[in-house]
Amino acid sequence: MVGDIFVVGCALPDSCVYPEFNMLNSDMSDLRYNTSTGIYEKGCGLDNLMMAWGHDEYLYQVLKNHKENKLPKEAMVMIRYHSFYPWHTGGSYRELMTETDVEYLKIIKDFNKYDLYTKSPKTYSLESVIDYYKPIAEKYLGKGPIYW
């Protein structure tokens, strides 16, 4: 699935990358998991879904459980859902959304203008950027360790 994420526990939509391989997922032959809502209730909200494990979900779970995390809700939304392309770009999973998720969609669509293909090809040394980024990191994540 490359870097895109999807919901675990319901049918894989054709908006997932390489949909021709969806049927190779054994969950798709399980009646509990192969409908558009699967194990979820209609309108349950994105925050109540289990997401496929990738860099987004990993960082989200680490920061969600980090006691010193002071990142605003919008930042946590961007972290968790920025690679959820079947939803924010493909239009899938709408039946699971709440009004809050409509707001999330606006946040993600705005963020993604700056996410993909906007990276600089230049590599910076830690020494050249630490004085700028360390105070920002400490403001939102504290000075103690983050348990990965």
N, C-alpha and C. Protein backbone atom coordinates (compact mmCIF):
# COMPACT_ATOMS: atom_id res chain seq x y z
N MET A 1 0.82 -1.19 0.00
CA MET A 1 0.00 0.00 0.00
C MET A 1 0.86 1.25 0.00
N VAL A 2 2.12 1.12 -0.21
CA VAL A 2 3.08 2.22 -0.15
C VAL A 2 2.86 3.03 1.11
N GLY A 3 2.77 4.36 1.04
CA GLY A 3 2.63 5.16 2.24
C GLY A 3 1.20 5.49 2.59
N ASP A 4 0.24 5.14 1.72
CA ASP A 4 -1.16 5.44 1.99
C ASP A 4 -1.68 4.55 3.11
N ILE A 5 -2.60 5.10 3.89
CA ILE A 5 -3.22 4.29 4.93
C ILE A 5 -4.69 4.07 4.60
N PHE A 6 -5.29 3.13 5.30
CA PHE A 6 -6.68 2.75 5.08
C PHE A 6 -7.25 2.26 6.40
N VAL A 7 -8.56 2.07 6.43
CA VAL A 7 -9.24 1.60 7.63
C VAL A 7 -9.15 0.09 7.70
N VAL A 8 -8.82 -0.43 8.87
CA VAL A 8 -8.80 -1.86 9.12
C VAL A 8 -10.17 -2.24 9.67
N GLY A 9 -10.77 -3.31 9.15
CA GLY A 9 -12.05 -3.77 9.67
C GLY A 9 -13.22 -3.49 8.76
N CYS A 10 -12.95 -2.97 7.56
CA CYS A 10 -14.01 -2.82 6.56
C CYS A 10 -13.39 -2.97 5.18
N ALA A 11 -14.24 -3.00 4.17
CA ALA A 11 -13.77 -3.26 2.82
C ALA A 11 -12.73 -2.23 2.38
N LEU A 12 -11.75 -2.71 1.64
CA LEU A 12 -10.76 -1.82 1.04
C LEU A 12 -11.39 -1.19 -0.19
N PRO A 13 -11.49 0.13 -0.23
CA PRO A 13 -12.13 0.77 -1.39
C PRO A 13 -11.20 0.80 -2.60
N ASP A 14 -11.80 0.98 -3.75
CA ASP A 14 -11.00 1.10 -4.98
C ASP A 14 -10.14 2.35 -4.99
N SER A 15 -10.39 3.28 -4.06
CA SER A 15 -9.56 4.49 -3.99
C SER A 15 -8.21 4.23 -3.33
N CYS A 16 -8.03 3.01 -2.78
CA CYS A 16 -6.70 2.64 -2.27
C CYS A 16 -5.77 2.45 -3.46
N VAL A 17 -4.52 2.75 -3.24
CA VAL A 17 -3.53 2.55 -4.29
C VAL A 17 -3.47 1.06 -4.63
N TYR A 18 -3.34 0.73 -5.89
CA TYR A 18 -3.31 -0.64 -6.40
C TYR A 18 -4.53 -1.46 -5.96
N PRO A 19 -5.72 -1.00 -6.27
CA PRO A 19 -6.93 -1.72 -5.83
C PRO A 19 -7.04 -3.12 -6.41
N GLU A 20 -6.33 -3.38 -7.48
CA GLU A 20 -6.39 -4.72 -8.08
C GLU A 20 -5.86 -5.80 -7.13
N PHE A 21 -5.16 -5.39 -6.08
CA PHE A 21 -4.63 -6.36 -5.12
C PHE A 21 -5.46 -6.47 -3.85
N ASN A 22 -6.54 -5.70 -3.75
CA ASN A 22 -7.37 -5.72 -2.54
C ASN A 22 -7.84 -7.12 -2.18
N MET A 23 -8.22 -7.91 -3.17
CA MET A 23 -8.76 -9.24 -2.89
C MET A 23 -7.70 -10.22 -2.37
N LEU A 24 -6.44 -9.86 -2.46
CA LEU A 24 -5.39 -10.70 -1.89
C LEU A 24 -5.35 -10.59 -0.38
N ASN A 25 -6.01 -9.58 0.16
CA ASN A 25 -6.11 -9.41 1.60
C ASN A 25 -7.16 -10.40 2.10
N SER A 26 -6.77 -11.32 2.96
CA SER A 26 -7.69 -12.37 3.42
C SER A 26 -8.90 -11.82 4.16
N ASP A 27 -8.80 -10.63 4.71
CA ASP A 27 -9.96 -10.02 5.37
C ASP A 27 -11.11 -9.80 4.40
N MET A 28 -10.82 -9.65 3.13
CA MET A 28 -11.87 -9.36 2.16
C MET A 28 -12.75 -10.57 1.88
N SER A 29 -12.35 -11.75 2.36
CA SER A 29 -13.22 -12.92 2.24
C SER A 29 -13.98 -13.19 3.54
N ASP A 30 -13.81 -12.33 4.52
CA ASP A 30 -14.51 -12.43 5.80
C ASP A 30 -15.70 -11.47 5.77
N LEU A 31 -16.90 -12.00 5.92
CA LEU A 31 -18.11 -11.18 5.82
C LEU A 31 -18.14 -10.02 6.81
N ARG A 32 -17.47 -10.15 7.93
CA ARG A 32 -17.45 -9.05 8.91
C ARG A 32 -16.70 -7.83 8.39
N TYR A 33 -15.76 -8.03 7.50
CA TYR A 33 -14.85 -6.97 7.09
C TYR A 33 -15.03 -6.49 5.66
N ASN A 34 -15.90 -7.07 4.89
CA ASN A 34 -15.91 -6.73 3.47
C ASN A 34 -17.09 -5.87 3.02
N THR A 35 -17.63 -5.08 3.95
CA THR A 35 -18.65 -4.08 3.57
C THR A 35 -18.05 -2.69 3.80
N SER A 36 -18.74 -1.67 3.32
CA SER A 36 -18.20 -0.32 3.44
C SER A 36 -18.09 0.16 4.88
N THR A 37 -18.90 -0.40 5.78
CA THR A 37 -18.80 -0.03 7.21
C THR A 37 -18.13 -1.12 8.03
N GLY A 38 -18.14 -2.36 7.56
CA GLY A 38 -17.46 -3.45 8.26
C GLY A 38 -17.88 -3.57 9.72
N ILE A 39 -16.91 -3.51 10.61
CA ILE A 39 -17.15 -3.68 12.05
C ILE A 39 -17.61 -2.40 12.72
N TYR A 40 -17.77 -1.32 11.96
CA TYR A 40 -18.08 -0.01 12.52
C TYR A 40 -19.55 0.35 12.30
N GLU A 41 -20.04 1.27 13.11
CA GLU A 41 -21.38 1.83 12.93
C GLU A 41 -21.30 3.02 11.99
N LYS A 42 -22.29 3.19 11.17
CA LYS A 42 -22.36 4.35 10.30
C LYS A 42 -22.29 5.62 11.17
N GLY A 43 -21.45 6.58 10.74
CA GLY A 43 -21.32 7.85 11.47
C GLY A 43 -20.54 7.76 12.77
N CYS A 44 -19.74 6.72 12.94
CA CYS A 44 -18.99 6.55 14.20
C CYS A 44 -17.83 7.53 14.34
N GLY A 45 -17.33 8.07 13.24
CA GLY A 45 -16.25 9.04 13.28
C GLY A 45 -14.88 8.44 13.08
N LEU A 46 -14.03 9.19 12.40
CA LEU A 46 -12.68 8.71 12.10
C LEU A 46 -11.87 8.39 13.34
N ASP A 47 -12.07 9.15 14.41
CA ASP A 47 -11.28 8.93 15.62
C ASP A 47 -11.57 7.58 16.26
N ASN A 48 -12.65 6.92 15.86
CA ASN A 48 -13.02 5.62 16.42
C ASN A 48 -12.65 4.46 15.52
N LEU A 49 -11.93 4.73 14.45
CA LEU A 49 -11.53 3.69 13.52
C LEU A 49 -10.13 3.18 13.83
N MET A 50 -9.89 1.92 13.51
CA MET A 50 -8.53 1.39 13.55
C MET A 50 -7.92 1.63 12.17
N MET A 51 -6.77 2.25 12.16
CA MET A 51 -6.11 2.57 10.90
C MET A 51 -4.98 1.58 10.65
N ALA A 52 -4.67 1.36 9.38
CA ALA A 52 -3.52 0.53 9.03
C ALA A 52 -2.27 1.16 9.64
N TRP A 53 -1.36 0.33 10.04
CA TRP A 53 -0.17 0.80 10.73
C TRP A 53 0.85 1.29 9.72
N GLY A 54 1.24 2.54 9.87
CA GLY A 54 2.26 3.14 9.02
C GLY A 54 2.91 4.26 9.81
N HIS A 55 3.69 5.09 9.14
CA HIS A 55 4.39 6.15 9.86
C HIS A 55 3.43 7.14 10.52
N ASP A 56 2.28 7.38 9.90
CA ASP A 56 1.30 8.31 10.47
C ASP A 56 0.77 7.79 11.80
N GLU A 57 0.26 6.57 11.77
CA GLU A 57 -0.37 6.01 12.97
C GLU A 57 0.65 5.79 14.07
N TYR A 58 1.86 5.39 13.70
CA TYR A 58 2.90 5.19 14.71
C TYR A 58 3.19 6.50 15.45
N LEU A 59 3.46 7.57 14.71
CA LEU A 59 3.76 8.85 15.36
C LEU A 59 2.56 9.35 16.15
N TYR A 60 1.37 9.21 15.59
CA TYR A 60 0.15 9.64 16.28
C TYR A 60 0.02 8.92 17.64
N GLN A 61 0.20 7.61 17.64
CA GLN A 61 0.06 6.85 18.89
C GLN A 61 1.15 7.22 19.90
N VAL A 62 2.37 7.43 19.42
CA VAL A 62 3.45 7.85 20.32
C VAL A 62 3.10 9.19 20.96
N LEU A 63 2.70 10.16 20.15
CA LEU A 63 2.42 11.50 20.68
C LEU A 63 1.14 11.54 21.50
N LYS A 64 0.16 10.74 21.14
CA LYS A 64 -1.09 10.67 21.91
C LYS A 64 -0.81 10.20 23.34
N ASN A 65 0.18 9.35 23.48
CA ASN A 65 0.52 8.79 24.79
C ASN A 65 1.69 9.49 25.47
N HIS A 66 2.19 10.54 24.85
CA HIS A 66 3.30 11.32 25.42
C HIS A 66 2.73 12.34 26.40
N LYS A 67 3.08 12.21 27.66
CA LYS A 67 2.49 13.03 28.72
C LYS A 67 2.74 14.53 28.53
N GLU A 68 3.82 14.90 27.90
CA GLU A 68 4.15 16.32 27.73
C GLU A 68 3.68 16.90 26.39
N ASN A 69 2.91 16.14 25.63
CA ASN A 69 2.45 16.60 24.32
C ASN A 69 1.50 17.79 24.47
N LYS A 70 1.87 18.92 23.88
CA LYS A 70 1.03 20.11 23.88
C LYS A 70 0.66 20.53 22.46
N LEU A 71 0.80 19.60 21.51
CA LEU A 71 0.44 19.91 20.14
C LEU A 71 -1.07 20.15 20.06
N PRO A 72 -1.50 21.14 19.28
CA PRO A 72 -2.94 21.37 19.14
C PRO A 72 -3.61 20.21 18.40
N LYS A 73 -4.90 20.08 18.60
CA LYS A 73 -5.69 19.01 17.97
C LYS A 73 -5.45 18.98 16.46
N GLU A 74 -5.36 20.15 15.84
CA GLU A 74 -5.15 20.22 14.39
C GLU A 74 -3.85 19.54 13.97
N ALA A 75 -2.81 19.69 14.78
CA ALA A 75 -1.53 19.04 14.47
C ALA A 75 -1.67 17.53 14.56
N MET A 76 -2.39 17.06 15.58
CA MET A 76 -2.58 15.62 15.73
C MET A 76 -3.41 15.06 14.56
N VAL A 77 -4.39 15.81 14.10
CA VAL A 77 -5.18 15.41 12.94
C VAL A 77 -4.28 15.30 11.71
N MET A 78 -3.42 16.28 11.50
CA MET A 78 -2.51 16.24 10.35
C MET A 78 -1.57 15.04 10.42
N ILE A 79 -1.06 14.78 11.61
CA ILE A 79 -0.14 13.66 11.78
C ILE A 79 -0.84 12.34 11.44
N ARG A 80 -2.03 12.15 11.99
CA ARG A 80 -2.70 10.86 11.82
C ARG A 80 -3.27 10.64 10.42
N TYR A 81 -3.82 11.67 9.80
CA TYR A 81 -4.60 11.46 8.59
C TYR A 81 -3.98 11.99 7.30
N HIS A 82 -2.77 12.52 7.33
CA HIS A 82 -2.24 13.12 6.10
C HIS A 82 -2.00 12.11 4.98
N SER A 83 -1.79 10.84 5.31
CA SER A 83 -1.61 9.82 4.26
C SER A 83 -2.86 8.99 4.04
N PHE A 84 -3.99 9.45 4.54
CA PHE A 84 -5.26 8.73 4.40
C PHE A 84 -5.91 9.14 3.08
N TYR A 85 -5.19 8.87 1.99
CA TYR A 85 -5.61 9.29 0.65
C TYR A 85 -6.95 8.72 0.21
N PRO A 86 -7.26 7.46 0.53
CA PRO A 86 -8.58 6.96 0.11
C PRO A 86 -9.72 7.83 0.66
N TRP A 87 -9.51 8.45 1.81
CA TRP A 87 -10.52 9.32 2.42
C TRP A 87 -10.43 10.75 1.88
N HIS A 88 -9.28 11.40 2.09
CA HIS A 88 -9.24 12.83 1.78
C HIS A 88 -9.13 13.15 0.30
N THR A 89 -8.66 12.22 -0.50
CA THR A 89 -8.55 12.46 -1.94
C THR A 89 -9.51 11.56 -2.73
N GLY A 90 -9.67 10.32 -2.27
CA GLY A 90 -10.50 9.36 -3.00
C GLY A 90 -11.98 9.40 -2.69
N GLY A 91 -12.36 10.09 -1.61
CA GLY A 91 -13.78 10.20 -1.27
C GLY A 91 -14.38 8.99 -0.59
N SER A 92 -13.56 8.06 -0.16
CA SER A 92 -14.06 6.86 0.52
C SER A 92 -14.31 7.12 2.00
N TYR A 93 -15.01 6.20 2.62
CA TYR A 93 -15.28 6.19 4.07
C TYR A 93 -16.21 7.31 4.52
N ARG A 94 -16.90 7.96 3.61
CA ARG A 94 -17.79 9.07 3.98
C ARG A 94 -18.90 8.63 4.94
N GLU A 95 -19.37 7.39 4.80
CA GLU A 95 -20.45 6.92 5.66
C GLU A 95 -20.03 6.75 7.12
N LEU A 96 -18.75 6.80 7.38
CA LEU A 96 -18.25 6.67 8.75
C LEU A 96 -17.99 8.03 9.41
N MET A 97 -18.10 9.09 8.64
CA MET A 97 -17.72 10.43 9.11
C MET A 97 -18.77 11.07 10.04
N THR A 98 -18.27 12.01 10.85
CA THR A 98 -19.09 12.88 11.67
C THR A 98 -18.86 14.32 11.20
N GLU A 99 -19.56 15.27 11.82
CA GLU A 99 -19.33 16.68 11.50
C GLU A 99 -17.90 17.09 11.85
N THR A 100 -17.35 16.53 12.90
CA THR A 100 -15.95 16.80 13.26
C THR A 100 -15.02 16.40 12.13
N ASP A 101 -15.31 15.27 11.50
CA ASP A 101 -14.47 14.78 10.40
C ASP A 101 -14.54 15.69 9.18
N VAL A 102 -15.65 16.37 8.99
CA VAL A 102 -15.75 17.35 7.90
C VAL A 102 -14.73 18.46 8.15
N GLU A 103 -14.58 18.86 9.40
CA GLU A 103 -13.57 19.87 9.76
C GLU A 103 -12.16 19.30 9.58
N TYR A 104 -11.97 18.04 9.95
CA TYR A 104 -10.67 17.39 9.73
C TYR A 104 -10.30 17.43 8.25
N LEU A 105 -11.28 17.17 7.40
CA LEU A 105 -11.02 17.14 5.97
C LEU A 105 -10.50 18.49 5.48
N LYS A 106 -11.06 19.57 5.99
CA LYS A 106 -10.59 20.91 5.62
C LYS A 106 -9.13 21.10 6.07
N ILE A 107 -8.82 20.66 7.28
CA ILE A 107 -7.46 20.77 7.82
C ILE A 107 -6.48 20.01 6.94
N ILE A 108 -6.82 18.78 6.61
CA ILE A 108 -5.94 17.92 5.81
C ILE A 108 -5.75 18.47 4.40
N LYS A 109 -6.81 18.91 3.79
CA LYS A 109 -6.68 19.45 2.42
C LYS A 109 -5.79 20.69 2.40
N ASP A 110 -5.88 21.50 3.43
CA ASP A 110 -5.00 22.67 3.53
C ASP A 110 -3.56 22.24 3.77
N PHE A 111 -3.35 21.33 4.71
CA PHE A 111 -2.01 20.85 5.03
C PHE A 111 -1.34 20.20 3.83
N ASN A 112 -2.07 19.39 3.08
CA ASN A 112 -1.46 18.64 2.00
C ASN A 112 -0.92 19.51 0.87
N LYS A 113 -1.32 20.77 0.82
CA LYS A 113 -0.71 21.69 -0.16
C LYS A 113 0.78 21.86 0.14
N TYR A 114 1.15 21.65 1.38
CA TYR A 114 2.54 21.86 1.82
C TYR A 114 3.27 20.57 2.11
N ASP A 115 2.60 19.45 1.97
CA ASP A 115 3.18 18.16 2.36
C ASP A 115 3.91 17.49 1.21
N LEU A 116 3.19 17.03 0.22
CA LEU A 116 3.82 16.27 -0.86
C LEU A 116 4.55 17.17 -1.84
N TYR A 117 5.68 16.70 -2.26
CA TYR A 117 6.46 17.34 -3.32
C TYR A 117 6.86 18.78 -2.99
N THR A 118 6.94 19.07 -1.70
CA THR A 118 7.35 20.42 -1.29
C THR A 118 8.65 20.37 -0.51
N LYS A 119 9.25 19.21 -0.45
CA LYS A 119 10.47 19.07 0.33
C LYS A 119 11.67 19.62 -0.44
N SER A 120 12.60 20.16 0.30
CA SER A 120 13.82 20.69 -0.30
C SER A 120 14.78 19.53 -0.58
N PRO A 121 15.47 19.56 -1.68
CA PRO A 121 16.45 18.50 -1.95
C PRO A 121 17.70 18.64 -1.08
N LYS A 122 17.85 19.79 -0.45
CA LYS A 122 19.03 20.03 0.38
C LYS A 122 18.90 19.28 1.71
N THR A 123 19.99 18.68 2.14
CA THR A 123 20.05 18.01 3.43
C THR A 123 20.79 18.91 4.41
N TYR A 124 20.18 19.16 5.56
CA TYR A 124 20.77 20.04 6.57
C TYR A 124 21.40 19.21 7.67
N SER A 125 22.49 19.70 8.21
CA SER A 125 23.11 19.02 9.35
C SER A 125 22.35 19.40 10.61
N LEU A 126 22.34 18.53 11.58
CA LEU A 126 21.67 18.80 12.84
C LEU A 126 22.22 20.07 13.48
N GLU A 127 23.50 20.24 13.44
CA GLU A 127 24.13 21.42 14.05
C GLU A 127 23.62 22.72 13.44
N SER A 128 23.28 22.70 12.17
CA SER A 128 22.86 23.94 11.50
C SER A 128 21.40 24.30 11.78
N VAL A 129 20.61 23.38 12.29
CA VAL A 129 19.18 23.66 12.50
C VAL A 129 18.71 23.49 13.95
N ILE A 130 19.54 22.93 14.80
CA ILE A 130 19.09 22.61 16.16
C ILE A 130 18.68 23.85 16.96
N ASP A 131 19.40 24.94 16.80
CA ASP A 131 19.06 26.15 17.56
C ASP A 131 17.69 26.69 17.17
N TYR A 132 17.28 26.46 15.95
CA TYR A 132 15.97 26.92 15.51
C TYR A 132 14.86 25.96 15.97
N TYR A 133 15.06 24.64 15.77
CA TYR A 133 14.00 23.67 16.01
C TYR A 133 13.87 23.19 17.45
N LYS A 134 14.95 23.20 18.21
CA LYS A 134 14.88 22.67 19.58
C LYS A 134 13.88 23.44 20.45
N PRO A 135 13.88 24.77 20.45
CA PRO A 135 12.88 25.48 21.27
C PRO A 135 11.44 25.19 20.84
N ILE A 136 11.22 24.98 19.56
CA ILE A 136 9.88 24.66 19.07
C ILE A 136 9.47 23.28 19.58
N ALA A 137 10.38 22.32 19.45
CA ALA A 137 10.10 20.96 19.93
C ALA A 137 9.84 20.96 21.44
N GLU A 138 10.63 21.69 22.18
CA GLU A 138 10.46 21.74 23.64
C GLU A 138 9.14 22.42 24.02
N LYS A 139 8.73 23.42 23.26
CA LYS A 139 7.46 24.10 23.54
C LYS A 139 6.29 23.13 23.45
N TYR A 140 6.29 22.27 22.45
CA TYR A 140 5.16 21.38 22.22
C TYR A 140 5.33 19.97 22.77
N LEU A 141 6.57 19.54 23.00
CA LEU A 141 6.81 18.18 23.43
C LEU A 141 7.56 18.07 24.75
N GLY A 142 7.92 19.19 25.34
CA GLY A 142 8.62 19.17 26.62
C GLY A 142 10.10 18.87 26.45
N LYS A 143 10.78 18.81 27.57
CA LYS A 143 12.23 18.57 27.54
C LYS A 143 12.59 17.13 27.88
N GLY A 144 11.64 16.37 28.37
CA GLY A 144 11.91 15.00 28.74
C GLY A 144 11.93 14.07 27.54
N PRO A 145 12.23 12.80 27.79
CA PRO A 145 12.28 11.85 26.66
C PRO A 145 10.88 11.55 26.12
N ILE A 146 10.86 11.18 24.86
CA ILE A 146 9.64 10.66 24.22
C ILE A 146 9.86 9.16 24.11
N TYR A 147 8.92 8.39 24.61
CA TYR A 147 9.06 6.93 24.58
C TYR A 147 8.46 6.37 23.30
N TRP A 148 9.35 5.98 22.40
CA TRP A 148 8.96 5.46 21.10
C TRP A 148 8.59 4.01 21.21
